[in-house]
Amino acid sequence: MNVALIYKKSAWELFSGSDDNNVNSFILEDESQRDLLLESDLVQKQTIDLVEKTLFGENIGYKKIYRSTIGEYDLSAFDLVITVGGDGTFLEASHHIKANTPILGVNSDPQRSVGFFCACNSENFENFFNGLSIQPKLQLNRLSLFIDKSPIGPPVLNDVLFASPNPAATTRYQINNNSYRNSGLLISTGAGSTAWSFQEGIDPLPLETKNFQLLHRGTRNTEAIITTGVVIHSLTRKGTIFIDGDHCSFSLSLGQQLEIKSGTPITVLGDINKKRAEFLDAYD
């Protein structure tokens, strides 16, 4: 087995190397915040170290890849992708994985991160990995995007938001000859529907469905539209498509059209249905 080990830098690593004087002052002068950052940094590094030791102990070859450099590697050359971080690291990796390469998420700091996609953490990774062949698997659908019929962006595991880049501005668009004006259109997969549905007070989609849902943001008594394909005509002069939060974005200007289709699935290791139930119960 050959493993791609995708990891993130801790907030301390990112902030402590900042050229921003305000950031430097914040972490140097606020002792309580500095202690929290250092604690999280230690937990992150201990988790990465544990995963590496487990792989080494099992004589499994692996390539350690920093999250921001994933695009430099062909992840299809690996038998398994392991992410160490949170959902952000997992989503970043999912953009570069083809359908036949499974992915396992390890939550590096479960006290500070939800880790919805992460099947394990430092406490149970070794046992989980030793029983890898019998662990549950899910086929989670991803979305394919096209602007004026040309493919754009990576496969989308969580959600797409079409909105104005100015949060105070109105987003205008048309679907099936119906015109809308609101704070944006949210398109979410079965996996991505978990948090958004909870926020909007509606039921989430089944995790493994090929359907996805549309939600008109900022409208009263909104109802999700369930579909496997949609064409959105932009009536917004300077609109933006946000993919999986802030992972990447594209412009969608007045007169252009965005087509979204159900795309290729990704194999996710772990009982994500259980993780969803725990998340919804915790905030019920």
Protein backbone atom coordinates (compact mmCIF):
# COMPACT_ATOMS: atom_id res chain seq x y z
CA MET A 1 0.00 0.00 0.00
CA ASN A 2 1.16 3.51 -0.84
CA VAL A 3 -0.40 6.35 1.15
CA ALA A 4 -0.65 10.09 0.56
CA LEU A 5 -0.57 11.80 3.95
CA ILE A 6 -2.09 15.28 3.63
CA TYR A 7 -1.55 17.61 6.56
CA LYS A 8 -2.21 21.23 7.46
CA LYS A 9 -0.19 23.78 9.36
CA SER A 10 -1.51 24.80 12.74
CA ALA A 11 -2.84 28.30 13.38
CA TRP A 12 0.28 28.97 15.46
CA GLU A 13 2.55 28.09 12.54
CA LEU A 14 0.59 30.36 10.22
CA PHE A 15 0.23 33.29 12.62
CA SER A 16 3.71 33.22 14.13
CA GLY A 17 5.23 33.61 10.68
CA SER A 18 2.94 36.46 9.67
CA ASP A 19 4.23 39.81 8.40
CA ASP A 20 1.12 41.50 9.82
CA ASN A 21 2.07 43.58 12.86
CA ASN A 22 -1.47 43.33 14.24
CA VAL A 23 -1.32 39.53 14.17
CA ASN A 24 2.10 39.52 15.81
CA SER A 25 0.93 41.88 18.54
CA PHE A 26 -2.15 39.76 19.15
CA ILE A 27 -0.28 36.49 19.71
CA LEU A 28 2.53 38.11 21.68
CA GLU A 29 0.46 40.30 24.00
CA ASP A 30 -2.58 38.11 24.63
CA GLU A 31 -1.16 35.34 26.78
CA SER A 32 -4.38 33.28 26.97
CA GLN A 33 -4.78 33.23 23.18
CA ARG A 34 -1.11 32.41 22.72
CA ASP A 35 -1.42 29.47 25.10
CA LEU A 36 -4.44 28.16 23.21
CA LEU A 37 -2.61 28.42 19.90
CA LEU A 38 0.44 26.65 21.29
CA GLU A 39 -1.69 23.90 22.81
CA SER A 40 -3.48 23.34 19.51
CA ASP A 41 -0.14 23.35 17.68
CA LEU A 42 1.18 20.63 20.00
CA VAL A 43 -1.93 18.46 19.55
CA GLN A 44 -1.73 18.85 15.76
CA LYS A 45 1.92 17.79 15.63
CA GLN A 46 1.34 14.86 18.00
CA THR A 47 -1.45 13.58 15.77
CA ILE A 48 0.68 13.79 12.63
CA ASP A 49 3.49 12.02 14.47
CA LEU A 50 1.15 9.23 15.60
CA VAL A 51 -0.15 8.64 12.07
CA GLU A 52 3.38 8.52 10.69
CA LYS A 53 4.54 6.10 13.39
CA THR A 54 1.56 3.83 12.71
CA LEU A 55 2.26 3.75 8.97
CA PHE A 56 5.97 3.18 9.57
CA GLY A 57 5.21 0.39 12.04
CA GLU A 58 3.07 -1.36 9.44
CA ASN A 59 5.83 -0.99 6.80
CA ILE A 60 3.56 1.15 4.67
CA GLY A 61 5.14 3.64 2.31
CA TYR A 62 3.75 7.14 2.41
CA LYS A 63 4.31 10.60 1.00
CA LYS A 64 3.82 13.52 3.37
CA ILE A 65 2.17 16.39 1.48
CA TYR A 66 1.41 19.85 2.80
CA ARG A 67 -2.18 20.82 2.10
CA SER A 68 -1.35 23.87 -0.04
CA THR A 69 0.84 21.81 -2.39
CA ILE A 70 -1.62 18.99 -3.16
CA GLY A 71 -1.99 20.19 -6.74
CA GLU A 72 1.64 19.27 -7.41
CA TYR A 73 0.90 15.57 -6.95
CA ASP A 74 -1.17 12.94 -8.76
CA LEU A 75 -3.23 11.45 -5.94
CA SER A 76 -4.48 8.67 -8.23
CA ALA A 77 -0.99 7.16 -7.88
CA PHE A 78 -1.77 6.36 -4.23
CA ASP A 79 -3.85 3.51 -2.82
CA LEU A 80 -5.18 5.63 0.04
CA VAL A 81 -5.32 9.30 0.98
CA ILE A 82 -5.18 10.19 4.69
CA THR A 83 -5.85 13.76 5.76
CA VAL A 84 -4.73 15.04 9.16
CA GLY A 85 -6.48 18.26 10.13
CA GLY A 86 -10.18 19.03 10.00
CA ASP A 87 -12.93 19.26 7.41
CA GLY A 88 -11.07 22.00 5.54
CA THR A 89 -8.08 19.74 4.91
CA PHE A 90 -10.40 16.89 3.94
CA LEU A 91 -12.33 19.06 1.47
CA GLU A 92 -9.12 20.40 -0.06
CA ALA A 93 -7.91 16.84 -0.67
CA SER A 94 -11.30 15.77 -2.08
CA HIS A 95 -10.85 18.24 -4.95
CA HIS A 96 -7.86 16.26 -6.23
CA ILE A 97 -9.07 12.68 -5.74
CA LYS A 98 -10.51 10.49 -8.45
CA ALA A 99 -13.37 8.08 -7.80
CA ASN A 100 -11.20 4.97 -7.27
CA THR A 101 -8.98 6.36 -4.48
CA PRO A 102 -10.47 6.13 -0.95
CA ILE A 103 -9.93 8.89 1.61
CA LEU A 104 -9.71 8.72 5.39
CA GLY A 105 -9.99 11.82 7.56
CA VAL A 106 -8.16 12.10 10.90
CA ASN A 107 -9.27 14.95 13.15
CA SER A 108 -6.08 16.46 14.53
CA ASP A 109 -7.80 18.55 17.21
CA PRO A 110 -11.31 17.24 18.02
CA GLN A 111 -11.75 19.68 20.93
CA ARG A 112 -11.62 22.62 18.54
CA SER A 113 -12.81 21.11 15.26
CA VAL A 114 -16.08 19.39 14.31
CA GLY A 115 -14.37 17.07 11.84
CA PHE A 116 -17.60 15.87 10.24
CA PHE A 117 -15.72 13.98 7.53
CA CYS A 118 -13.08 12.65 9.92
CA ALA A 119 -13.62 9.04 10.95
CA CYS A 120 -11.01 8.99 13.71
CA ASN A 121 -8.55 10.97 15.80
CA SER A 122 -5.29 10.34 17.64
CA GLU A 123 -7.00 8.18 20.27
CA ASN A 124 -8.44 5.60 17.89
CA PHE A 125 -6.48 5.95 14.64
CA GLU A 126 -4.21 2.97 15.22
CA ASN A 127 -7.09 0.58 15.94
CA PHE A 128 -9.11 2.00 13.05
CA PHE A 129 -6.23 1.63 10.63
CA ASN A 130 -5.42 -1.92 11.73
CA GLY A 131 -9.02 -2.85 10.89
CA LEU A 132 -9.11 -0.80 7.70
CA SER A 133 -10.45 -3.63 5.52
CA ILE A 134 -13.61 -4.00 7.63
CA GLN A 135 -14.35 -0.31 8.19
CA PRO A 136 -17.59 1.09 6.72
CA LYS A 137 -17.37 3.01 3.45
CA LEU A 138 -19.62 5.58 1.88
CA GLN A 139 -19.89 6.75 -1.70
CA LEU A 140 -20.43 10.50 -1.40
CA ASN A 141 -21.53 12.34 -4.51
CA ARG A 142 -19.68 15.36 -5.87
CA LEU A 143 -20.85 18.11 -8.20
CA SER A 144 -19.51 19.06 -11.62
CA LEU A 145 -19.66 22.72 -12.68
CA PHE A 146 -19.78 24.38 -16.11
CA ILE A 147 -19.80 28.05 -17.09
CA ASP A 148 -21.28 28.58 -20.55
CA LYS A 149 -20.82 24.83 -21.12
CA SER A 150 -17.08 24.85 -20.30
CA PRO A 151 -16.04 22.79 -17.22
CA ILE A 152 -14.61 24.77 -14.33
CA GLY A 153 -13.13 24.06 -10.93
CA PRO A 154 -12.66 20.85 -9.01
CA PRO A 155 -15.36 18.28 -8.15
CA VAL A 156 -17.38 19.72 -5.27
CA LEU A 157 -18.02 17.53 -2.23
CA ASN A 158 -19.81 19.98 0.06
CA ASP A 159 -21.46 23.05 -1.45
CA VAL A 160 -21.49 25.83 -4.00
CA LEU A 161 -22.60 29.38 -3.27
CA PHE A 162 -23.49 31.84 -6.00
CA ALA A 163 -23.58 35.32 -4.55
CA SER A 164 -22.27 38.84 -4.85
CA PRO A 165 -18.73 39.22 -3.50
CA ASN A 166 -20.16 42.14 -1.51
CA PRO A 167 -22.20 40.62 1.37
CA ALA A 168 -24.35 43.75 1.51
CA ALA A 169 -25.36 43.52 -2.16
CA THR A 170 -28.32 41.68 -3.70
CA THR A 171 -27.76 38.61 -5.85
CA ARG A 172 -29.95 38.31 -8.93
CA TYR A 173 -30.38 35.18 -11.03
CA GLN A 174 -32.88 33.16 -13.03
CA ILE A 175 -33.75 29.45 -12.96
CA ASN A 176 -36.32 27.95 -15.35
CA ASN A 177 -37.49 31.45 -16.36
CA ASN A 178 -38.13 32.34 -12.70
CA SER A 179 -36.22 35.36 -11.41
CA TYR A 180 -34.87 35.66 -7.86
CA ARG A 181 -33.41 38.45 -5.74
CA ASN A 182 -31.84 37.51 -2.42
CA SER A 183 -28.50 37.09 -0.65
CA GLY A 184 -27.42 34.19 -2.83
CA LEU A 185 -28.17 30.68 -4.05
CA LEU A 186 -26.74 27.75 -2.08
CA ILE A 187 -26.30 24.38 -3.76
CA SER A 188 -25.35 21.51 -1.45
CA THR A 189 -24.69 17.80 -1.84
CA GLY A 190 -26.00 15.16 0.55
CA ALA A 191 -22.90 15.66 2.69
CA GLY A 192 -23.02 19.44 2.44
CA SER A 193 -26.71 19.57 3.28
CA THR A 194 -26.06 18.59 6.92
CA ALA A 195 -25.07 21.97 8.36
CA TRP A 196 -27.06 24.11 5.92
CA SER A 197 -30.27 22.17 6.45
CA PHE A 198 -29.83 22.45 10.19
CA GLN A 199 -29.34 26.20 9.88
CA GLU A 200 -32.41 26.60 7.66
CA GLY A 201 -34.59 24.28 9.74
CA ILE A 202 -35.16 21.63 7.06
CA ASP A 203 -34.23 17.96 6.76
CA PRO A 204 -30.82 17.10 5.27
CA LEU A 205 -30.49 14.87 2.23
CA PRO A 206 -29.32 11.25 2.57
CA LEU A 207 -25.53 11.22 2.53
CA GLU A 208 -25.14 8.90 -0.47
CA THR A 209 -27.81 10.45 -2.68
CA LYS A 210 -26.96 11.66 -6.18
CA ASN A 211 -29.45 14.48 -5.69
CA PHE A 212 -28.45 17.90 -4.46
CA GLN A 213 -30.50 20.73 -3.02
CA LEU A 214 -30.97 24.40 -3.86
CA LEU A 215 -31.65 26.96 -1.14
CA HIS A 216 -32.47 30.60 -1.82
CA ARG A 217 -30.71 32.47 0.97
CA GLY A 218 -32.31 35.31 2.83
CA THR A 219 -35.89 34.44 1.87
CA ARG A 220 -38.71 33.71 4.29
CA ASN A 221 -40.12 30.19 4.58
CA THR A 222 -37.53 28.87 2.15
CA GLU A 223 -37.95 25.34 0.85
CA ALA A 224 -35.19 23.23 -0.64
CA ILE A 225 -35.44 22.28 -4.30
CA ILE A 226 -34.13 18.76 -4.86
CA THR A 227 -32.58 17.98 -8.25
CA THR A 228 -29.72 16.28 -10.13
CA GLY A 229 -29.06 19.18 -12.47
CA VAL A 230 -29.70 22.90 -12.72
CA VAL A 231 -28.84 25.84 -14.99
CA ILE A 232 -28.50 29.23 -13.32
CA HIS A 233 -28.54 32.39 -15.43
CA SER A 234 -26.71 35.25 -13.76
CA LEU A 235 -28.49 38.59 -13.58
CA THR A 236 -25.77 39.90 -11.28
CA ARG A 237 -23.21 42.29 -12.78
CA LYS A 238 -20.33 40.88 -10.73
CA GLY A 239 -21.31 37.54 -9.23
CA THR A 240 -18.99 34.97 -7.65
CA ILE A 241 -19.13 31.19 -7.36
CA PHE A 242 -17.67 29.99 -4.05
CA ILE A 243 -16.70 26.31 -3.94
CA ASP A 244 -16.66 24.42 -0.63
CA GLY A 245 -16.58 27.58 1.43
CA ASP A 246 -13.54 29.67 0.62
CA HIS A 247 -11.44 26.93 -0.99
CA CYS A 248 -11.71 28.46 -4.45
CA SER A 249 -13.93 30.86 -6.38
CA PHE A 250 -14.81 31.91 -9.92
CA SER A 251 -16.52 34.94 -11.43
CA LEU A 252 -19.99 34.61 -12.94
CA SER A 253 -20.95 37.84 -14.64
CA LEU A 254 -24.19 39.22 -16.01
CA GLY A 255 -25.49 37.07 -18.87
CA GLN A 256 -23.36 34.02 -18.12
CA GLN A 257 -24.85 30.70 -17.11
CA LEU A 258 -23.72 28.20 -14.53
CA GLU A 259 -24.70 24.56 -15.02
CA ILE A 260 -24.36 22.12 -12.11
CA LYS A 261 -24.66 18.36 -12.51
CA SER A 262 -24.34 15.35 -10.29
CA GLY A 263 -20.75 14.20 -10.80
CA THR A 264 -18.30 11.49 -9.77
CA PRO A 265 -18.53 10.09 -6.21
CA ILE A 266 -15.71 9.75 -3.74
CA THR A 267 -15.11 6.79 -1.41
CA VAL A 268 -14.97 7.97 2.21
CA LEU A 269 -13.86 5.60 4.97
CA GLY A 270 -15.64 5.60 8.32
CA ASP A 271 -19.16 5.76 9.69
CA ILE A 272 -20.03 9.27 8.54
CA ASN A 273 -23.74 8.57 9.07
CA LYS A 274 -22.96 8.13 12.77
CA LYS A 275 -20.95 11.36 12.77
CA ARG A 276 -23.91 13.17 11.22
CA ALA A 277 -26.32 11.82 13.83
CA GLU A 278 -23.96 12.92 16.62
CA PHE A 279 -23.66 16.39 15.11
CA LEU A 280 -27.42 16.85 14.75
CA ASP A 281 -28.08 15.48 18.26
CA ALA A 282 -25.49 17.83 19.76
CA TYR A 283 -27.22 20.89 18.33
CA ASP A 284 -30.83 19.74 18.55
